[in-house]
Amino acid sequence: MNDPGWNIATSNSTNSYKFLVLFSDANCLILAETVRSPNVERRWLRCSMWLPRHRITKPPKCCLFIFELLCAYLDDTVEVFHNSCLLQPSKSPKSTS
């Protein structure tokens, strides 16, 4: 559902986080954390895009568009994904018995 009023909260023993759900569908989830900086008078959003594993290397254009529209309006470049974050599949050695 596309309701910017919905929140997701996570916590562990030392930190607690609240995220705004900016967009959600079967292709992606776009979350934002409200951040206040001492140098800037107004609050700003720190966004993240979550994708299913099969879409990590090629995010859907609709998700990229929404992310750009809602989150990247002040940035010239946005790194949506870094290849080093992917787990490299490891082959187990074949046993010979």
PDB file of N, CA and C in Angstrom:
ATOM      1  N   MET A   1       0.829  -1.173   0.000  1.00  0.00           N
ATOM      2  CA  MET A   1       0.000   0.000   0.000  1.00  0.00           C
ATOM      3  C   MET A   1       0.876   1.239   0.000  1.00  0.00           C
ATOM      4  N   ASN A   2       0.450   2.250  -0.670  1.00  0.00           N
ATOM      5  CA  ASN A   2       1.205   3.483  -0.768  1.00  0.00           C
ATOM      6  C   ASN A   2       0.652   4.506   0.212  1.00  0.00           C
ATOM      7  N   ASP A   3       1.080   4.450   1.429  1.00  0.00           N
ATOM      8  CA  ASP A   3       0.606   5.372   2.445  1.00  0.00           C
ATOM      9  C   ASP A   3       1.802   5.935   3.186  1.00  0.00           C
ATOM     10  N   PRO A   4       2.211   7.184   2.902  1.00  0.00           N
ATOM     11  CA  PRO A   4       3.369   7.757   3.556  1.00  0.00           C
ATOM     12  C   PRO A   4       3.215   7.908   5.061  1.00  0.00           C
ATOM     13  N   GLY A   5       2.029   7.673   5.596  1.00  0.00           N
ATOM     14  CA  GLY A   5       1.831   7.803   7.018  1.00  0.00           C
ATOM     15  C   GLY A   5       2.201   6.560   7.809  1.00  0.00           C
ATOM     16  N   TRP A   6       2.424   5.454   7.147  1.00  0.00           N
ATOM     17  CA  TRP A   6       2.754   4.226   7.851  1.00  0.00           C
ATOM     18  C   TRP A   6       4.192   4.277   8.332  1.00  0.00           C
ATOM     19  N   ASN A   7       4.449   3.683   9.478  1.00  0.00           N
ATOM     20  CA  ASN A   7       5.786   3.655  10.048  1.00  0.00           C
ATOM     21  C   ASN A   7       6.215   2.226  10.302  1.00  0.00           C
ATOM     22  N   ILE A   8       7.509   2.022  10.247  1.00  0.00           N
ATOM     23  CA  ILE A   8       8.113   0.754  10.635  1.00  0.00           C
ATOM     24  C   ILE A   8       9.111   1.090  11.730  1.00  0.00           C
ATOM     25  N   ALA A   9       9.102   0.358  12.804  1.00  0.00           N
ATOM     26  CA  ALA A   9      10.037   0.599  13.895  1.00  0.00           C
ATOM     27  C   ALA A   9      10.836  -0.663  14.156  1.00  0.00           C
ATOM     28  N   THR A  10      12.127  -0.485  14.384  1.00  0.00           N
ATOM     29  CA  THR A  10      13.000  -1.594  14.760  1.00  0.00           C
ATOM     30  C   THR A  10      13.806  -1.157  15.969  1.00  0.00           C
ATOM     31  N   SER A  11      14.238  -2.110  16.743  1.00  0.00           N
ATOM     32  CA  SER A  11      15.081  -1.766  17.879  1.00  0.00           C
ATOM     33  C   SER A  11      15.922  -2.964  18.270  1.00  0.00           C
ATOM     34  N   ASN A  12      17.047  -2.658  18.884  1.00  0.00           N
ATOM     35  CA  ASN A  12      17.865  -3.685  19.512  1.00  0.00           C
ATOM     36  C   ASN A  12      18.240  -3.150  20.887  1.00  0.00           C
ATOM     37  N   SER A  13      19.178  -3.757  21.538  1.00  0.00           N
ATOM     38  CA  SER A  13      19.475  -3.373  22.917  1.00  0.00           C
ATOM     39  C   SER A  13      20.064  -1.968  23.037  1.00  0.00           C
ATOM     40  N   THR A  14      20.653  -1.433  21.964  1.00  0.00           N
ATOM     41  CA  THR A  14      21.288  -0.121  22.068  1.00  0.00           C
ATOM     42  C   THR A  14      20.642   0.960  21.213  1.00  0.00           C
ATOM     43  N   ASN A  15      19.978   0.591  20.124  1.00  0.00           N
ATOM     44  CA  ASN A  15      19.437   1.592  19.206  1.00  0.00           C
ATOM     45  C   ASN A  15      17.976   1.316  18.877  1.00  0.00           C
ATOM     46  N   SER A  16      17.282   2.385  18.552  1.00  0.00           N
ATOM     47  CA  SER A  16      15.897   2.283  18.110  1.00  0.00           C
ATOM     48  C   SER A  16      15.749   3.134  16.854  1.00  0.00           C
ATOM     49  N   TYR A  17      15.081   2.603  15.849  1.00  0.00           N
ATOM     50  CA  TYR A  17      14.930   3.304  14.575  1.00  0.00           C
ATOM     51  C   TYR A  17      13.465   3.347  14.179  1.00  0.00           C
ATOM     52  N   LYS A  18      13.064   4.465  13.587  1.00  0.00           N
ATOM     53  CA  LYS A  18      11.722   4.589  13.018  1.00  0.00           C
ATOM     54  C   LYS A  18      11.876   5.015  11.573  1.00  0.00           C
ATOM     55  N   PHE A  19      11.135   4.352  10.696  1.00  0.00           N
ATOM     56  CA  PHE A  19      11.198   4.652   9.276  1.00  0.00           C
ATOM     57  C   PHE A  19       9.811   4.995   8.753  1.00  0.00           C
ATOM     58  N   LEU A  20       9.752   5.943   7.855  1.00  0.00           N
ATOM     59  CA  LEU A  20       8.532   6.238   7.116  1.00  0.00           C
ATOM     60  C   LEU A  20       8.496   5.328   5.901  1.00  0.00           C
ATOM     61  N   VAL A  21       7.366   4.757   5.617  1.00  0.00           N
ATOM     62  CA  VAL A  21       7.203   3.972   4.397  1.00  0.00           C
ATOM     63  C   VAL A  21       6.756   4.945   3.316  1.00  0.00           C
ATOM     64  N   LEU A  22       7.664   5.237   2.375  1.00  0.00           N
ATOM     65  CA  LEU A  22       7.335   6.167   1.303  1.00  0.00           C
ATOM     66  C   LEU A  22       6.636   5.472   0.148  1.00  0.00           C
ATOM     67  N   PHE A  23       7.030   4.225  -0.109  1.00  0.00           N
ATOM     68  CA  PHE A  23       6.426   3.470  -1.208  1.00  0.00           C
ATOM     69  C   PHE A  23       6.667   1.990  -0.959  1.00  0.00           C
ATOM     70  N   SER A  24       5.687   1.184  -1.344  1.00  0.00           N
ATOM     71  CA  SER A  24       5.823  -0.263  -1.202  1.00  0.00           C
ATOM     72  C   SER A  24       4.986  -0.950  -2.266  1.00  0.00           C
ATOM     73  N   ASP A  25       5.597  -1.913  -2.962  1.00  0.00           N
ATOM     74  CA  ASP A  25       4.868  -2.802  -3.861  1.00  0.00           C
ATOM     75  C   ASP A  25       5.657  -4.102  -3.948  1.00  0.00           C
ATOM     76  N   ALA A  26       5.310  -4.967  -4.874  1.00  0.00           N
ATOM     77  CA  ALA A  26       5.981  -6.263  -4.987  1.00  0.00           C
ATOM     78  C   ALA A  26       7.420  -6.133  -5.481  1.00  0.00           C
ATOM     79  N   ASN A  27       7.775  -4.990  -6.058  1.00  0.00           N
ATOM     80  CA  ASN A  27       9.101  -4.808  -6.636  1.00  0.00           C
ATOM     81  C   ASN A  27      10.108  -4.163  -5.699  1.00  0.00           C
ATOM     82  N   CYS A  28       9.637  -3.309  -4.796  1.00  0.00           N
ATOM     83  CA  CYS A  28      10.573  -2.588  -3.938  1.00  0.00           C
ATOM     84  C   CYS A  28       9.863  -2.009  -2.717  1.00  0.00           C
ATOM     85  N   LEU A  29      10.678  -1.639  -1.752  1.00  0.00           N
ATOM     86  CA  LEU A  29      10.218  -0.954  -0.547  1.00  0.00           C
ATOM     87  C   LEU A  29      11.137   0.242  -0.364  1.00  0.00           C
ATOM     88  N   ILE A  30      10.570   1.427  -0.292  1.00  0.00           N
ATOM     89  CA  ILE A  30      11.365   2.633  -0.106  1.00  0.00           C
ATOM     90  C   ILE A  30      11.034   3.203   1.265  1.00  0.00           C
ATOM     91  N   LEU A  31      12.061   3.241   2.111  1.00  0.00           N
ATOM     92  CA  LEU A  31      11.918   3.722   3.486  1.00  0.00           C
ATOM     93  C   LEU A  31      12.693   5.019   3.650  1.00  0.00           C
ATOM     94  N   ALA A  32      12.284   5.831   4.613  1.00  0.00           N
ATOM     95  CA  ALA A  32      13.001   7.066   4.916  1.00  0.00           C
ATOM     96  C   ALA A  32      13.094   7.237   6.420  1.00  0.00           C
ATOM     97  N   GLU A  33      14.229   7.718   6.828  1.00  0.00           N
ATOM     98  CA  GLU A  33      14.469   8.056   8.226  1.00  0.00           C
ATOM     99  C   GLU A  33      14.544   9.578   8.305  1.00  0.00           C
ATOM    100  N   THR A  34      13.804  10.176   9.213  1.00  0.00           N
ATOM    101  CA  THR A  34      13.840  11.631   9.370  1.00  0.00           C
ATOM    102  C   THR A  34      15.072  12.000  10.182  1.00  0.00           C
ATOM    103  N   VAL A  35      15.878  12.900   9.630  1.00  0.00           N
ATOM    104  CA  VAL A  35      17.138  13.283  10.261  1.00  0.00           C
ATOM    105  C   VAL A  35      17.132  14.790  10.474  1.00  0.00           C
ATOM    106  N   ARG A  36      17.602  15.196  11.633  1.00  0.00           N
ATOM    107  CA  ARG A  36      17.751  16.628  11.903  1.00  0.00           C
ATOM    108  C   ARG A  36      19.241  16.901  12.072  1.00  0.00           C
ATOM    109  N   SER A  37      19.714  17.886  11.326  1.00  0.00           N
ATOM    110  CA  SER A  37      21.121  18.261  11.372  1.00  0.00           C
ATOM    111  C   SER A  37      21.256  19.609  12.071  1.00  0.00           C
ATOM    112  N   PRO A  38      22.297  19.785  12.882  1.00  0.00           N
ATOM    113  CA  PRO A  38      22.471  21.076  13.552  1.00  0.00           C
ATOM    114  C   PRO A  38      22.766  22.207  12.561  1.00  0.00           C
ATOM    115  N   ASN A  39      23.312  21.866  11.387  1.00  0.00           N
ATOM    116  CA  ASN A  39      23.653  22.884  10.393  1.00  0.00           C
ATOM    117  C   ASN A  39      22.463  23.298   9.537  1.00  0.00           C
ATOM    118  N   VAL A  40      21.423  22.468   9.509  1.00  0.00           N
ATOM    119  CA  VAL A  40      20.261  22.736   8.668  1.00  0.00           C
ATOM    120  C   VAL A  40      19.046  22.882   9.575  1.00  0.00           C
ATOM    121  N   GLU A  41      18.263  23.919   9.353  1.00  0.00           N
ATOM    122  CA  GLU A  41      17.121  24.177  10.225  1.00  0.00           C
ATOM    123  C   GLU A  41      15.980  23.193  10.034  1.00  0.00           C
ATOM    124  N   ARG A  42      15.789  22.716   8.817  1.00  0.00           N
ATOM    125  CA  ARG A  42      14.663  21.814   8.581  1.00  0.00           C
ATOM    126  C   ARG A  42      15.135  20.367   8.575  1.00  0.00           C
ATOM    127  N   ARG A  43      14.213  19.475   8.798  1.00  0.00           N
ATOM    128  CA  ARG A  43      14.525  18.048   8.764  1.00  0.00           C
ATOM    129  C   ARG A  43      14.659  17.584   7.327  1.00  0.00           C
ATOM    130  N   TRP A  44      15.424  16.537   7.131  1.00  0.00           N
ATOM    131  CA  TRP A  44      15.568  15.954   5.806  1.00  0.00           C
ATOM    132  C   TRP A  44      15.454  14.446   5.920  1.00  0.00           C
ATOM    133  N   LEU A  45      15.337  13.783   4.788  1.00  0.00           N
ATOM    134  CA  LEU A  45      15.122  12.342   4.764  1.00  0.00           C
ATOM    135  C   LEU A  45      16.372  11.603   4.319  1.00  0.00           C
ATOM    136  N   ARG A  46      16.681  10.541   5.022  1.00  0.00           N
ATOM    137  CA  ARG A  46      17.726   9.605   4.601  1.00  0.00           C
ATOM    138  C   ARG A  46      16.989   8.362   4.121  1.00  0.00           C
ATOM    139  N   CYS A  47      17.043   8.112   2.829  1.00  0.00           N
ATOM    140  CA  CYS A  47      16.220   7.059   2.228  1.00  0.00           C
ATOM    141  C   CYS A  47      17.014   5.789   1.946  1.00  0.00           C
ATOM    142  N   SER A  48      16.293   4.702   1.873  1.00  0.00           N
ATOM    143  CA  SER A  48      16.877   3.428   1.442  1.00  0.00           C
ATOM    144  C   SER A  48      15.841   2.685   0.611  1.00  0.00           C
ATOM    145  N   MET A  49      16.350   1.973  -0.383  1.00  0.00           N
ATOM    146  CA  MET A  49      15.482   1.168  -1.238  1.00  0.00           C
ATOM    147  C   MET A  49      15.823  -0.298  -1.003  1.00  0.00           C
ATOM    148  N   TRP A  50      14.807  -1.077  -0.701  1.00  0.00           N
ATOM    149  CA  TRP A  50      14.955  -2.509  -0.464  1.00  0.00           C
ATOM    150  C   TRP A  50      14.345  -3.250  -1.645  1.00  0.00           C
ATOM    151  N   LEU A  51      15.093  -4.232  -2.146  1.00  0.00           N
ATOM    152  CA  LEU A  51      14.674  -4.978  -3.333  1.00  0.00           C
ATOM    153  C   LEU A  51      14.742  -6.470  -3.079  1.00  0.00           C
ATOM    154  N   PRO A  52      13.900  -7.252  -3.761  1.00  0.00           N
ATOM    155  CA  PRO A  52      14.058  -8.705  -3.697  1.00  0.00           C
ATOM    156  C   PRO A  52      15.398  -9.093  -4.333  1.00  0.00           C
ATOM    157  N   ARG A  53      15.936 -10.202  -3.917  1.00  0.00           N
ATOM    158  CA  ARG A  53      17.254 -10.635  -4.383  1.00  0.00           C
ATOM    159  C   ARG A  53      17.357 -10.655  -5.911  1.00  0.00           C
ATOM    160  N   HIS A  54      16.315 -11.117  -6.584  1.00  0.00           N
ATOM    161  CA  HIS A  54      16.395 -11.233  -8.040  1.00  0.00           C
ATOM    162  C   HIS A  54      16.346  -9.871  -8.750  1.00  0.00           C
ATOM    163  N   ARG A  55      16.105  -8.800  -8.021  1.00  0.00           N
ATOM    164  CA  ARG A  55      16.059  -7.467  -8.636  1.00  0.00           C
ATOM    165  C   ARG A  55      17.219  -6.576  -8.200  1.00  0.00           C
ATOM    166  N   ILE A  56      18.121  -7.090  -7.405  1.00  0.00           N
ATOM    167  CA  ILE A  56      19.191  -6.257  -6.854  1.00  0.00           C
ATOM    168  C   ILE A  56      20.059  -5.635  -7.939  1.00  0.00           C
ATOM    169  N   THR A  57      20.450  -6.409  -8.916  1.00  0.00           N
ATOM    170  CA  THR A  57      21.350  -5.872  -9.932  1.00  0.00           C
ATOM    171  C   THR A  57      20.633  -5.030 -10.979  1.00  0.00           C
ATOM    172  N   LYS A  58      19.315  -5.125 -11.043  1.00  0.00           N
ATOM    173  CA  LYS A  58      18.552  -4.321 -12.010  1.00  0.00           C
ATOM    174  C   LYS A  58      17.227  -3.894 -11.374  1.00  0.00           C
ATOM    175  N   PRO A  59      17.257  -2.812 -10.582  1.00  0.00           N
ATOM    176  CA  PRO A  59      16.022  -2.335  -9.952  1.00  0.00           C
ATOM    177  C   PRO A  59      15.009  -1.897 -11.011  1.00  0.00           C
ATOM    178  N   PRO A  60      13.738  -2.125 -10.775  1.00  0.00           N
ATOM    179  CA  PRO A  60      12.708  -1.697 -11.724  1.00  0.00           C
ATOM    180  C   PRO A  60      12.721  -0.174 -11.911  1.00  0.00           C
ATOM    181  N   LYS A  61      12.439   0.254 -13.122  1.00  0.00           N
ATOM    182  CA  LYS A  61      12.453   1.685 -13.430  1.00  0.00           C
ATOM    183  C   LYS A  61      11.438   2.460 -12.597  1.00  0.00           C
ATOM    184  N   CYS A  62      10.302   1.840 -12.298  1.00  0.00           N
ATOM    185  CA  CYS A  62       9.302   2.545 -11.489  1.00  0.00           C
ATOM    186  C   CYS A  62       9.852   2.840 -10.091  1.00  0.00           C
ATOM    187  N   CYS A  63      10.602   1.904  -9.521  1.00  0.00           N
ATOM    188  CA  CYS A  63      11.184   2.110  -8.190  1.00  0.00           C
ATOM    189  C   CYS A  63      12.268   3.184  -8.235  1.00  0.00           C
ATOM    190  N   LEU A  64      13.100   3.143  -9.272  1.00  0.00           N
ATOM    191  CA  LEU A  64      14.138   4.164  -9.416  1.00  0.00           C
ATOM    192  C   LEU A  64      13.519   5.552  -9.575  1.00  0.00           C
ATOM    193  N   PHE A  65      12.444   5.636 -10.341  1.00  0.00           N
ATOM    194  CA  PHE A  65      11.768   6.917 -10.547  1.00  0.00           C
ATOM    195  C   PHE A  65      11.213   7.454  -9.227  1.00  0.00           C
ATOM    196  N   ILE A  66      10.539   6.614  -8.482  1.00  0.00           N
ATOM    197  CA  ILE A  66       9.945   7.050  -7.211  1.00  0.00           C
ATOM    198  C   ILE A  66      11.031   7.437  -6.217  1.00  0.00           C
ATOM    199  N   PHE A  67      12.113   6.661  -6.175  1.00  0.00           N
ATOM    200  CA  PHE A  67      13.230   6.984  -5.290  1.00  0.00           C
ATOM    201  C   PHE A  67      13.821   8.342  -5.664  1.00  0.00           C
ATOM    202  N   GLU A  68      14.024   8.557  -6.945  1.00  0.00           N
ATOM    203  CA  GLU A  68      14.566   9.837  -7.418  1.00  0.00           C
ATOM    204  C   GLU A  68      13.619  10.983  -7.065  1.00  0.00           C
ATOM    205  N   LEU A  69      12.353  10.779  -7.255  1.00  0.00           N
ATOM    206  CA  LEU A  69      11.355  11.815  -7.006  1.00  0.00           C
ATOM    207  C   LEU A  69      11.260  12.182  -5.522  1.00  0.00           C
ATOM    208  N   LEU A  70      11.244  11.177  -4.655  1.00  0.00           N
ATOM    209  CA  LEU A  70      11.020  11.423  -3.230  1.00  0.00           C
ATOM    210  C   LEU A  70      12.292  11.637  -2.415  1.00  0.00           C
ATOM    211  N   CYS A  71      13.408  11.085  -2.886  1.00  0.00           N
ATOM    212  CA  CYS A  71      14.592  11.058  -2.023  1.00  0.00           C
ATOM    213  C   CYS A  71      15.829  11.739  -2.587  1.00  0.00           C
ATOM    214  N   ALA A  72      15.967  11.799  -3.884  1.00  0.00           N
ATOM    215  CA  ALA A  72      17.227  12.252  -4.455  1.00  0.00           C
ATOM    216  C   ALA A  72      17.136  13.632  -5.087  1.00  0.00           C
ATOM    217  N   TYR A  73      16.149  14.403  -4.696  1.00  0.00           N
ATOM    218  CA  TYR A  73      15.952  15.705  -5.314  1.00  0.00           C
ATOM    219  C   TYR A  73      17.063  16.696  -4.989  1.00  0.00           C
ATOM    220  N   LEU A  74      17.838  16.473  -3.942  1.00  0.00           N
ATOM    221  CA  LEU A  74      18.933  17.373  -3.592  1.00  0.00           C
ATOM    222  C   LEU A  74      20.300  16.824  -3.980  1.00  0.00           C
ATOM    223  N   ASP A  75      20.372  15.563  -4.368  1.00  0.00           N
ATOM    224  CA  ASP A  75      21.642  14.936  -4.709  1.00  0.00           C
ATOM    225  C   ASP A  75      21.791  14.807  -6.212  1.00  0.00           C
ATOM    226  N   ASP A  76      23.033  14.984  -6.675  1.00  0.00           N
ATOM    227  CA  ASP A  76      23.302  14.775  -8.097  1.00  0.00           C
ATOM    228  C   ASP A  76      23.418  13.297  -8.422  1.00  0.00           C
ATOM    229  N   THR A  77      23.990  12.532  -7.511  1.00  0.00           N
ATOM    230  CA  THR A  77      24.145  11.098  -7.739  1.00  0.00           C
ATOM    231  C   THR A  77      23.662  10.337  -6.520  1.00  0.00           C
ATOM    232  N   VAL A  78      23.130   9.184  -6.764  1.00  0.00           N
ATOM    233  CA  VAL A  78      22.662   8.313  -5.695  1.00  0.00           C
ATOM    234  C   VAL A  78      23.154   6.915  -5.992  1.00  0.00           C
ATOM    235  N   GLU A  79      23.792   6.300  -5.029  1.00  0.00           N
ATOM    236  CA  GLU A  79      24.218   4.915  -5.188  1.00  0.00           C
ATOM    237  C   GLU A  79      23.130   4.045  -4.592  1.00  0.00           C
ATOM    238  N   VAL A  80      22.410   3.351  -5.449  1.00  0.00           N
ATOM    239  CA  VAL A  80      21.308   2.516  -4.992  1.00  0.00           C
ATOM    240  C   VAL A  80      21.825   1.177  -4.506  1.00  0.00           C
ATOM    241  N   PHE A  81      22.883   0.699  -5.133  1.00  0.00           N
ATOM    242  CA  PHE A  81      23.381  -0.623  -4.791  1.00  0.00           C
ATOM    243  C   PHE A  81      24.871  -0.695  -5.050  1.00  0.00           C
ATOM    244  N   HIS A  82      25.554  -1.443  -4.241  1.00  0.00           N
ATOM    245  CA  HIS A  82      26.980  -1.660  -4.433  1.00  0.00           C
ATOM    246  C   HIS A  82      27.212  -3.153  -4.555  1.00  0.00           C
ATOM    247  N   ASN A  83      27.867  -3.574  -5.624  1.00  0.00           N
ATOM    248  CA  ASN A  83      28.046  -5.002  -5.900  1.00  0.00           C
ATOM    249  C   ASN A  83      28.743  -5.763  -4.777  1.00  0.00           C
ATOM    250  N   SER A  84      29.566  -5.087  -3.984  1.00  0.00           N
ATOM    251  CA  SER A  84      30.273  -5.792  -2.917  1.00  0.00           C
ATOM    252  C   SER A  84      29.323  -6.281  -1.823  1.00  0.00           C
ATOM    253  N   CYS A  85      28.086  -5.803  -1.829  1.00  0.00           N
ATOM    254  CA  CYS A  85      27.112  -6.237  -0.826  1.00  0.00           C
ATOM    255  C   CYS A  85      26.498  -7.596  -1.148  1.00  0.00           C
ATOM    256  N   LEU A  86      26.612  -8.023  -2.380  1.00  0.00           N
ATOM    257  CA  LEU A  86      26.070  -9.327  -2.751  1.00  0.00           C
ATOM    258  C   LEU A  86      26.906 -10.440  -2.140  1.00  0.00           C
ATOM    259  N   LEU A  87      26.243 -11.431  -1.646  1.00  0.00           N
ATOM    260  CA  LEU A  87      26.963 -12.599  -1.155  1.00  0.00           C
ATOM    261  C   LEU A  87      27.421 -13.411  -2.350  1.00  0.00           C
ATOM    262  N   GLN A  88      28.680 -13.737  -2.369  1.00  0.00           N
ATOM    263  CA  GLN A  88      29.208 -14.547  -3.453  1.00  0.00           C
ATOM    264  C   GLN A  88      28.919 -16.008  -3.145  1.00  0.00           C
ATOM    265  N   PRO A  89      28.252 -16.707  -4.067  1.00  0.00           N
ATOM    266  CA  PRO A  89      27.982 -18.125  -3.811  1.00  0.00           C
ATOM    267  C   PRO A  89      29.285 -18.906  -3.775  1.00  0.00           C
ATOM    268  N   SER A  90      29.398 -19.754  -2.819  1.00  0.00           N
ATOM    269  CA  SER A  90      30.611 -20.569  -2.728  1.00  0.00           C
ATOM    270  C   SER A  90      30.263 -22.008  -3.072  1.00  0.00           C
ATOM    271  N   LYS A  91      31.137 -22.609  -3.828  1.00  0.00           N
ATOM    272  CA  LYS A  91      30.931 -24.000  -4.214  1.00  0.00           C
ATOM    273  C   LYS A  91      31.599 -24.888  -3.177  1.00  0.00           C
ATOM    274  N   SER A  92      30.865 -25.855  -2.723  1.00  0.00           N
ATOM    275  CA  SER A  92      31.461 -26.785  -1.772  1.00  0.00           C
ATOM    276  C   SER A  92      32.249 -27.824  -2.559  1.00  0.00           C
ATOM    277  N   PRO A  93      33.390 -28.231  -2.031  1.00  0.00           N
ATOM    278  CA  PRO A  93      34.194 -29.226  -2.743  1.00  0.00           C
ATOM    279  C   PRO A  93      33.449 -30.551  -2.824  1.00  0.00           C
ATOM    280  N   LYS A  94      33.575 -31.191  -3.969  1.00  0.00           N
ATOM    281  CA  LYS A  94      32.927 -32.490  -4.146  1.00  0.00           C
ATOM    282  C   LYS A  94      33.700 -33.537  -3.356  1.00  0.00           C
ATOM    283  N   SER A  95      32.950 -34.320  -2.642  1.00  0.00           N
ATOM    284  CA  SER A  95      33.609 -35.376  -1.870  1.00  0.00           C
ATOM    285  C   SER A  95      33.706 -36.629  -2.730  1.00  0.00           C
ATOM    286  N   THR A  96      34.810 -37.288  -2.607  1.00  0.00           N
ATOM    287  CA  THR A  96      34.994 -38.554  -3.331  1.00  0.00           C
ATOM    288  C   THR A  96      35.069 -39.664  -2.307  1.00  0.00           C
ATOM    289  N   SER A  97      34.125 -40.527  -2.358  1.00  0.00           N
ATOM    290  CA  SER A  97      34.100 -41.622  -1.387  1.00  0.00           C
ATOM    291  C   SER A  97      34.202 -42.935  -2.093  1.00  0.00           C
TER     292      SER A  97
END
